[in-house]
Each structure stands twice: as C-alpha cells, then as structure tokens.
Amino acid sequence: MGNDGGSIPTRRELVKEAARNPNTTQLKETLREHLEHFWTTCPISHKKLLSPVVSDAVGNLYNKDAILQYLLPGDDSEAISAKADCDEVLQGRVKSLRDVVELKFDVDGNLDVPNGGRKGRWICPVTQKELGPSVKSVYLVPCGHVFSEGAIREMKSDKCLQCNEPYEPSNVIPILPTQESEKERLKLRVEDLSRQGLAHSLKKLPGSNKKRKKNRTDLNGDVENSSKAESATNGKVINDSKTPTPSSTPVPCSRNKTNAANVQKRNKVMLSSPYLPPKTRRRMVKTSTL
C-alpha cells in the first residue's frame, strides 16, 4: 500500500473534493473585478479608457477613436479579422455614431492614475464621489453628463444639473448595469426608440421619414381599396364623368390600434425607469387604469 519513499496515503488525500459553489463574498469580489476591468479598459481595442469616451445603449464604455476605427471600412485581412472580433463584442448595437453618446465626466485632476491610465479621476459633480466600480453611475441622453445614481435620485429634476438640458427619466442610462431589471429596461427603451425612428443618441435614424410615409401610403391605399370593394358589393356604380366630391379619408382602426399599442409600450418603458418622479408615476398609473 505504500507509495514512493514508503509513504502511506490517507483517504483524504486520495478522494477529490467536489467543487464548491462560490459564496456571496466571492461573487461580489468577482463582480467588482469585472466592473473594474470595464471601467478602465476599452473592450474592443483592449486599451486604457481615455477621453473622449462614448457609451452605447446598454451602458458599455468605449474609446471614441476605437469606435471610429471600427466604423471605417477596411480592406486588408487584419482589419477584417479585427472587425469580426468587434462585431462579437458590439453585437450590432453600434452601426453609426448615432448609436453612441459621448460622455462628459467631471475630472478631479489632483490625482494621477497609475499604469499609464488617464490623469485625474472621474467624479460626480454633485456628491464629489469617485465614479467607478464602487459607485453606481448614470449618464443623461442626449447631453452625456455623468452623475452618481444617488445624485439623480435625490435631486428629482427633469433637467441636467450641469447644462440645464431637459431629459426624460427613460433616458437616464446606467453605466455597466449588473441587474437584470436594468438590462431589460434598456432593451425596452431601444425597441421604443426604434419604433419612433430614433437612435440611442435621440438622433433620427436614416430613412425613418421614408418608412413613415410609406406606412401612411399603404394604410391609405388599404382604406381606398376596401371602400371600392364595399361599393362594388353593394351594387353601386361609380360614374367617372362626374366630378368626385372631396371627402375626408377615414382613419383606419388598425392605425388607431397601432398608435394605442405604441403609447402603451412607451408608458411601460417610462414606468420601468427607477428615476421617474413619484408624482409622474402616480399620474401615469392612474391614466393607464382608466
């Protein structure tokens, strides 16, 4: 029963222990390391985050020059390979500069970040807390100013505290969100903006006006065709020689239903925002129940 050197192994040394699930402390530490990495590193260029920094619709941070390089066409195989890697990270969220917002951080220039990082540290202009993995942070669309989440909750204002530009609660974007409810809200917001023909930055998507005009034309054509079919069924003969009398085109029920559905979805996005003022929330809930 001996091994080399005459040692006798015990059962504890022979039996492998089953892998243990990480405890709460280990999970928090792993999450913190994950957040710290993406607060300091651009995920597509793998370089240190340096101003100017942009963010997409789900709150991820990128170097602006890396996004510009990604959007530029490339012919060589190396550029195509790098673009494929970026596609895997971005997952179709960034197709133009309309899909990102340039962030405006308040910088405390008294401290230098080691390892070649940015000079100074990003702080909340209201609370003066350092923004990073330890502090939940948000930015406003379209202006791009960054605050701690606590500052936005406490101020309960509908205007940016830095530039006084109005914003909606649904356009308060968490940076690197970790909760599933936050991720779901951002997903609903993107869908709602797409229906309105808007990008993440609230700029108009290309071709959105043409699509709306086409939809109106299709709806009007359907109404006209249906009215002609009803006239033929009832035995009515349309006399082409007579001058047609002007008549208002009836609003189709399908359009009303679509508009009502869009309003309901938009309200759902608004109500899912934790930054909606209580009075506005109560009013919207009361209206939706009527």
Protein backbone atom coordinates (compact mmCIF):
# COMPACT_ATOMS: atom_id res chain seq x y z
CA MET A 1 0.00 0.00 0.00
CA GLY A 2 3.00 2.25 0.10
CA ASN A 3 4.00 4.88 -2.44
CA ASP A 4 7.45 6.04 -3.42
CA GLY A 5 9.57 6.66 -0.36
CA GLY A 6 7.49 4.37 1.80
CA SER A 7 4.71 6.94 2.44
CA ILE A 8 1.19 5.67 3.08
CA PRO A 9 -1.53 7.96 1.64
CA THR A 10 -4.63 8.65 3.66
CA ARG A 11 -8.17 8.52 2.28
CA ARG A 12 -8.42 12.33 2.49
CA GLU A 13 -5.51 12.65 0.08
CA LEU A 14 -6.96 10.15 -2.39
CA VAL A 15 -10.57 11.38 -2.56
CA LYS A 16 -11.09 14.53 -4.61
CA GLU A 17 -13.40 17.08 -3.08
CA ALA A 18 -16.37 18.28 -5.10
CA ALA A 19 -16.20 21.81 -6.43
CA ARG A 20 -17.94 24.21 -4.12
CA ASN A 21 -20.25 26.95 -5.27
CA PRO A 22 -18.77 30.41 -4.67
CA ASN A 23 -20.16 32.20 -1.65
CA THR A 24 -21.59 35.72 -1.63
CA THR A 25 -18.27 37.35 -0.82
CA GLN A 26 -16.53 35.59 -3.71
CA LEU A 27 -19.32 36.55 -6.12
CA LYS A 28 -19.08 40.19 -5.09
CA GLU A 29 -15.32 40.15 -5.50
CA THR A 30 -15.61 38.61 -8.97
CA LEU A 31 -18.22 41.20 -9.98
CA ARG A 32 -16.03 44.02 -8.69
CA GLU A 33 -13.04 42.77 -10.69
CA HIS A 34 -15.25 42.53 -13.78
CA LEU A 35 -16.54 46.08 -13.34
CA GLU A 36 -13.09 47.45 -12.57
CA HIS A 37 -11.77 46.00 -15.81
CA PHE A 38 -14.51 47.53 -17.98
CA TRP A 39 -14.33 50.86 -16.12
CA THR A 40 -10.67 51.18 -17.13
CA THR A 41 -10.34 49.20 -20.40
CA CYS A 42 -11.98 49.58 -23.81
CA PRO A 43 -13.45 46.16 -24.71
CA ILE A 44 -12.83 46.46 -28.47
CA SER A 45 -9.33 48.00 -28.53
CA HIS A 46 -8.19 46.47 -25.20
CA LYS A 47 -6.51 49.79 -24.37
CA LYS A 48 -6.93 52.05 -21.35
CA LEU A 49 -10.08 54.16 -21.38
CA LEU A 50 -9.09 57.72 -22.21
CA SER A 51 -11.21 60.74 -23.09
CA PRO A 52 -13.16 61.06 -25.28
CA VAL A 53 -15.22 58.11 -24.05
CA VAL A 54 -18.54 57.03 -25.57
CA SER A 55 -21.28 54.66 -24.42
CA ASP A 56 -23.81 52.54 -26.28
CA ALA A 57 -27.46 51.83 -25.49
CA VAL A 58 -26.66 49.21 -22.83
CA GLY A 59 -24.20 51.36 -20.87
CA ASN A 60 -20.89 49.89 -22.04
CA LEU A 61 -17.87 52.21 -22.28
CA TYR A 62 -15.55 52.55 -25.30
CA ASN A 63 -12.78 54.80 -26.51
CA LYS A 64 -14.24 57.03 -29.20
CA ASP A 65 -11.26 56.54 -31.50
CA ALA A 66 -11.80 52.75 -31.30
CA ILE A 67 -15.44 53.16 -32.37
CA LEU A 68 -14.38 55.44 -35.25
CA GLN A 69 -11.79 52.88 -36.34
CA TYR A 70 -14.44 50.16 -36.21
CA LEU A 71 -16.88 52.16 -38.34
CA LEU A 72 -14.27 52.95 -41.02
CA PRO A 73 -14.22 50.45 -43.92
CA GLY A 74 -11.17 48.19 -44.08
CA ASP A 75 -9.95 46.04 -46.97
CA ASP A 76 -6.97 44.16 -45.55
CA SER A 77 -7.41 40.81 -43.83
CA GLU A 78 -6.10 42.09 -40.50
CA ALA A 79 -8.72 44.86 -40.40
CA ILE A 80 -11.47 42.41 -41.35
CA SER A 81 -10.39 40.00 -38.61
CA ALA A 82 -10.33 42.81 -36.03
CA LYS A 83 -13.76 43.96 -37.21
CA ALA A 84 -15.14 40.46 -36.69
CA ASP A 85 -13.87 40.49 -33.11
CA CYS A 86 -15.50 43.88 -32.56
CA ASP A 87 -18.78 42.60 -34.02
CA GLU A 88 -18.80 39.88 -31.38
CA VAL A 89 -18.43 42.49 -28.62
CA LEU A 90 -20.84 45.09 -30.00
CA GLN A 91 -23.50 42.58 -31.18
CA GLY A 92 -24.95 45.00 -33.73
CA ARG A 93 -25.60 47.79 -31.23
CA VAL A 94 -23.29 50.31 -32.94
CA LYS A 95 -23.81 50.94 -36.65
CA SER A 96 -23.01 54.65 -36.69
CA LEU A 97 -22.10 57.48 -34.32
CA ARG A 98 -25.84 57.97 -33.75
CA ASP A 99 -25.76 54.77 -31.69
CA VAL A 100 -23.32 56.13 -29.10
CA VAL A 101 -23.26 59.14 -26.79
CA GLU A 102 -20.04 60.94 -25.88
CA LEU A 103 -19.79 61.10 -22.09
CA LYS A 104 -18.84 64.26 -20.21
CA PHE A 105 -17.06 63.39 -16.97
CA ASP A 106 -16.14 65.81 -14.23
CA VAL A 107 -12.43 65.26 -13.60
CA ASP A 108 -10.52 65.72 -10.37
CA GLY A 109 -7.05 66.47 -11.69
CA ASN A 110 -5.27 66.26 -8.33
CA LEU A 111 -4.66 62.52 -8.58
CA ASP A 112 -2.83 60.51 -11.23
CA VAL A 113 -3.97 57.00 -12.07
CA PRO A 114 -1.01 54.56 -12.27
CA ASN A 115 -0.13 52.10 -15.06
CA GLY A 116 -0.49 54.63 -17.84
CA GLY A 117 -4.15 55.36 -17.17
CA ARG A 118 -5.95 58.65 -17.53
CA LYS A 119 -4.80 61.60 -15.47
CA GLY A 120 -7.14 62.53 -12.68
CA ARG A 121 -10.22 60.63 -11.64
CA TRP A 122 -13.83 60.82 -12.70
CA ILE A 123 -16.08 62.26 -10.01
CA CYS A 124 -19.75 63.10 -9.60
CA PRO A 125 -20.19 66.90 -9.85
CA VAL A 126 -22.86 66.80 -7.11
CA THR A 127 -21.58 64.35 -4.49
CA GLN A 128 -17.86 64.60 -5.39
CA LYS A 129 -17.65 60.80 -5.11
CA GLU A 130 -15.26 58.98 -7.41
CA LEU A 131 -17.14 57.24 -10.22
CA GLY A 132 -16.17 53.64 -10.77
CA PRO A 133 -16.98 50.06 -9.78
CA SER A 134 -17.76 51.10 -6.19
CA VAL A 135 -20.34 53.76 -7.11
CA LYS A 136 -23.36 53.16 -9.35
CA SER A 137 -23.17 55.78 -12.09
CA VAL A 138 -25.54 57.01 -14.79
CA TYR A 139 -25.44 59.43 -17.71
CA LEU A 140 -28.13 61.50 -19.37
CA VAL A 141 -29.18 61.39 -23.01
CA PRO A 142 -28.72 63.44 -25.10
CA CYS A 143 -26.24 65.72 -23.24
CA GLY A 144 -23.98 62.91 -21.93
CA HIS A 145 -23.20 64.34 -18.47
CA VAL A 146 -22.32 61.67 -15.90
CA PHE A 147 -23.51 61.56 -12.28
CA SER A 148 -23.73 59.09 -9.44
CA GLU A 149 -27.10 57.34 -9.37
CA GLY A 150 -27.76 58.65 -5.86
CA ALA A 151 -27.43 62.27 -7.03
CA ILE A 152 -30.05 61.81 -9.76
CA ARG A 153 -32.43 60.07 -7.36
CA GLU A 154 -32.10 62.76 -4.70
CA MET A 155 -32.30 65.81 -6.98
CA LYS A 156 -35.50 64.58 -8.71
CA SER A 157 -35.11 67.11 -11.51
CA ASP A 158 -36.13 66.84 -15.16
CA LYS A 159 -33.17 68.97 -16.29
CA CYS A 160 -29.46 68.21 -16.33
CA LEU A 161 -27.71 69.71 -13.32
CA GLN A 162 -24.71 70.68 -15.46
CA CYS A 163 -26.15 72.10 -18.69
CA ASN A 164 -29.84 72.54 -17.75
CA GLU A 165 -30.94 70.49 -20.77
CA PRO A 166 -34.28 68.66 -20.26
CA TYR A 167 -34.31 64.86 -20.19
CA GLU A 168 -36.84 62.10 -19.67
CA PRO A 169 -36.45 59.50 -16.89
CA SER A 170 -36.24 56.75 -19.52
CA ASN A 171 -33.11 58.45 -20.90
CA VAL A 172 -31.14 58.01 -17.67
CA ILE A 173 -28.69 55.27 -18.68
CA PRO A 174 -26.84 53.22 -16.03
CA ILE A 175 -23.15 52.64 -16.77
CA LEU A 176 -22.24 48.94 -16.88
CA PRO A 177 -25.52 47.75 -15.33
CA THR A 178 -25.49 44.46 -13.43
CA GLN A 179 -29.15 43.96 -12.51
CA GLU A 180 -31.41 42.13 -14.95
CA SER A 181 -34.20 44.67 -14.44
CA GLU A 182 -31.89 47.47 -15.62
CA LYS A 183 -30.81 45.49 -18.68
CA GLU A 184 -34.44 44.71 -19.55
CA ARG A 185 -35.39 48.38 -19.24
CA LEU A 186 -32.61 49.41 -21.61
CA LYS A 187 -33.74 46.76 -24.08
CA LEU A 188 -37.33 48.08 -23.99
CA ARG A 189 -36.01 51.61 -24.47
CA VAL A 190 -34.11 50.64 -27.63
CA GLU A 191 -37.24 48.99 -29.06
CA ASP A 192 -39.34 52.06 -28.26
CA LEU A 193 -36.82 54.44 -29.86
CA SER A 194 -36.65 52.23 -32.94
CA ARG A 195 -40.43 52.50 -33.37
CA GLN A 196 -40.05 56.28 -33.23
CA GLY A 197 -37.25 56.24 -35.80
CA LEU A 198 -34.65 57.39 -33.26
CA ALA A 199 -31.20 56.11 -32.35
CA HIS A 200 -29.72 55.80 -28.84
CA SER A 201 -28.50 59.41 -29.00
CA LEU A 202 -32.08 60.52 -29.88
CA LYS A 203 -30.93 61.47 -33.38
CA LYS A 204 -33.13 60.40 -36.29
CA LEU A 205 -32.29 57.11 -37.93
CA PRO A 206 -31.59 57.29 -41.69
CA GLY A 207 -34.69 56.52 -43.74
CA SER A 208 -37.09 56.81 -40.81
CA ASN A 209 -39.18 59.52 -42.55
CA LYS A 210 -39.44 57.44 -45.73
CA LYS A 211 -40.69 54.45 -43.75
CA ARG A 212 -43.34 56.56 -42.05
CA LYS A 213 -44.51 58.00 -45.38
CA LYS A 214 -44.63 54.51 -46.89
CA ASN A 215 -46.66 53.21 -43.97
CA ARG A 216 -49.12 56.09 -44.35
CA THR A 217 -49.40 55.41 -48.10
CA ASP A 218 -50.01 51.72 -47.52
CA LEU A 219 -52.68 52.44 -44.93
CA ASN A 220 -54.43 54.98 -47.15
CA GLY A 221 -54.26 52.56 -50.08
CA ASP A 222 -55.83 49.80 -48.00
CA VAL A 223 -58.66 52.12 -46.95
CA GLU A 224 -59.28 53.21 -50.54
CA ASN A 225 -59.28 49.64 -51.85
CA SER A 226 -61.62 48.46 -49.10
CA SER A 227 -64.08 51.29 -49.82
CA LYS A 228 -64.11 50.39 -53.52
CA ALA A 229 -64.73 46.74 -52.70
CA GLU A 230 -67.65 47.67 -50.47
CA SER A 231 -69.14 49.86 -53.23
CA ALA A 232 -68.93 47.02 -55.75
CA THR A 233 -70.53 44.59 -53.32
CA ASN A 234 -73.46 46.91 -52.67
CA GLY A 235 -74.10 47.29 -56.41
CA LYS A 236 -73.04 50.90 -56.57
CA VAL A 237 -71.67 52.15 -59.90
CA ILE A 238 -69.03 54.86 -59.84
CA ASN A 239 -69.50 57.38 -62.64
CA ASP A 240 -66.11 58.55 -63.87
CA SER A 241 -67.61 61.51 -65.72
CA LYS A 242 -68.84 63.09 -62.52
CA THR A 243 -66.54 65.29 -60.58
CA PRO A 244 -65.58 63.47 -57.40
CA THR A 245 -66.68 65.23 -54.27
CA PRO A 246 -63.98 65.78 -51.71
CA SER A 247 -64.31 63.52 -48.71
CA SER A 248 -62.18 63.07 -45.67
CA THR A 249 -60.34 59.77 -45.53
CA PRO A 250 -61.49 57.81 -42.50
CA VAL A 251 -58.84 56.90 -40.00
CA PRO A 252 -58.37 53.13 -40.13
CA CYS A 253 -58.92 51.16 -36.97
CA SER A 254 -55.61 49.36 -37.45
CA ARG A 255 -53.72 52.66 -37.22
CA ASN A 256 -55.57 53.61 -34.04
CA LYS A 257 -54.75 50.23 -32.53
CA THR A 258 -51.09 50.58 -33.54
CA ASN A 259 -50.84 54.06 -32.03
CA ALA A 260 -52.50 52.90 -28.81
CA ALA A 261 -50.13 49.94 -28.61
CA ASN A 262 -47.10 52.20 -29.14
CA VAL A 263 -48.28 54.60 -26.44
CA GLN A 264 -48.80 51.68 -24.07
CA LYS A 265 -45.30 50.34 -24.76
CA ARG A 266 -43.79 53.82 -24.30
CA ASN A 267 -45.57 54.17 -20.96
CA LYS A 268 -44.22 50.76 -19.98
CA VAL A 269 -40.68 51.97 -20.70
CA MET A 270 -41.27 55.14 -18.67
CA LEU A 271 -42.78 53.26 -15.72
CA SER A 272 -39.87 50.79 -15.69
CA SER A 273 -37.43 53.64 -15.04
CA PRO A 274 -36.46 53.94 -11.35
CA TYR A 275 -35.77 57.64 -11.93
CA LEU A 276 -39.38 58.57 -12.71
CA PRO A 277 -40.66 61.17 -10.18
CA PRO A 278 -43.33 59.73 -7.84
CA LYS A 279 -45.98 62.27 -8.89
CA THR A 280 -45.47 61.49 -12.56
CA ARG A 281 -45.56 57.76 -11.84
CA ARG A 282 -48.86 58.02 -9.95
CA ARG A 283 -50.38 60.11 -12.72
CA MET A 284 -49.30 57.66 -15.43
CA VAL A 285 -50.57 54.66 -13.46
CA LYS A 286 -53.90 56.39 -12.87
CA THR A 287 -54.23 57.27 -16.57
CA SER A 288 -53.38 53.74 -17.72
CA THR A 289 -56.04 52.21 -15.47
CA LEU A 290 -58.83 54.43 -16.81
